[in-house]
Structure formats: structure tokens, C-alpha cells
Protein backbone atom coordinates (compact mmCIF):
# COMPACT_ATOMS: atom_id res chain seq x y z
CA MET A 1 92.78 88.88 114.18
CA SER A 2 95.78 89.45 111.96
CA GLU A 3 99.23 90.55 113.05
CA LYS A 4 98.86 93.72 110.95
CA VAL A 5 95.99 94.88 113.15
CA VAL A 6 97.48 93.76 116.48
CA ALA A 7 101.13 94.56 115.95
CA PRO A 8 101.16 98.36 115.68
CA ASN A 9 99.43 98.84 119.03
CA LEU A 10 101.28 96.02 120.80
CA PHE A 11 104.66 97.15 119.55
CA SER A 12 104.10 100.85 120.23
CA VAL A 13 102.95 100.10 123.79
CA PHE A 14 106.00 97.92 124.29
CA LYS A 15 108.32 100.67 123.03
CA SER A 16 106.68 103.31 125.21
CA GLU A 17 106.85 101.14 128.32
CA SER A 18 110.48 100.27 127.63
CA ARG A 19 111.42 103.94 127.24
CA LEU A 20 109.64 104.77 130.51
CA ARG A 21 111.73 102.10 132.21
CA ASN A 22 114.83 103.78 130.78
CA TYR A 23 115.95 100.81 128.66
CA SER A 24 118.66 101.60 126.17
CA PRO A 25 117.67 101.89 122.51
CA LYS A 26 119.70 98.77 121.67
CA THR A 27 117.94 96.79 124.39
CA ILE A 28 114.54 97.98 123.19
CA ASN A 29 115.37 96.93 119.62
CA ALA A 30 116.62 93.51 120.73
CA TYR A 31 113.50 92.88 122.84
CA LEU A 32 111.27 94.22 120.07
CA ASN A 33 112.82 91.80 117.58
CA CYS A 34 112.07 88.92 119.96
CA LEU A 35 108.50 90.13 120.44
CA GLN A 36 107.99 90.43 116.68
CA SER A 37 109.29 86.89 116.18
CA PHE A 38 106.91 85.64 118.86
CA VAL A 39 103.91 87.37 117.28
CA ARG A 40 104.81 86.10 113.79
CA GLN A 41 105.08 82.53 115.05
CA PHE A 42 101.44 82.52 116.17
CA ALA A 43 99.88 84.74 113.50
CA PRO A 44 97.00 85.25 112.89
CA ARG A 45 96.19 84.58 116.56
CA HIS A 46 96.48 87.43 119.04
CA PRO A 47 99.01 86.81 121.85
CA HIS A 48 96.13 87.06 124.38
CA GLU A 49 94.63 83.95 122.79
CA LEU A 50 97.65 81.78 123.62
CA ASN A 51 97.68 79.33 126.44
CA GLU A 52 100.57 78.18 128.59
CA GLN A 53 101.30 75.17 126.39
CA GLY A 54 101.57 77.34 123.27
CA ILE A 55 104.10 79.60 124.97
CA LYS A 56 106.12 76.61 126.20
CA ASN A 57 106.14 75.18 122.68
CA TYR A 58 107.44 78.49 121.34
CA SER A 59 110.18 78.53 123.99
CA ARG A 60 111.30 75.05 122.97
CA PHE A 61 111.15 76.01 119.28
CA SER A 62 113.22 79.16 119.78
CA VAL A 63 115.89 77.34 121.81
CA LEU A 64 116.26 74.64 119.16
CA GLU A 65 116.42 77.11 116.29
């Protein structure tokens, strides 16, 4: 599944949940940027398809970048 199909729903749910939790707009944007980077890294795979090792690899990649 491509990011274009997954992203709008994933990102809108994230924004809605963040607003409900009363996060500031700047915090929401910062977290959203991180989420978008994460999704782009694994495109075209859906985040639900990732395993623990894939997430750990991304964490290492993002720290080294």
C-alpha cells in the first residue's frame, strides 16, 4: 500500500488525537514531521506491517542522521 493512500488517514487521526490531548500546535507539527519522516522511510509499506527490528533500525538511522 502506498504512502499516498495510508498517509491522509494516519496523519489526520494523529492530528485529531493530539488536539484532543491538548497538545500545542507547535508540538503537533513537530511530532507530525517525525511521523511523516518515519512513514516515508518505509514506503510503500504500511506502518502496521513493520516489525520490531524495522523500528529499531529506523531509530538507529534517525540518531545517526
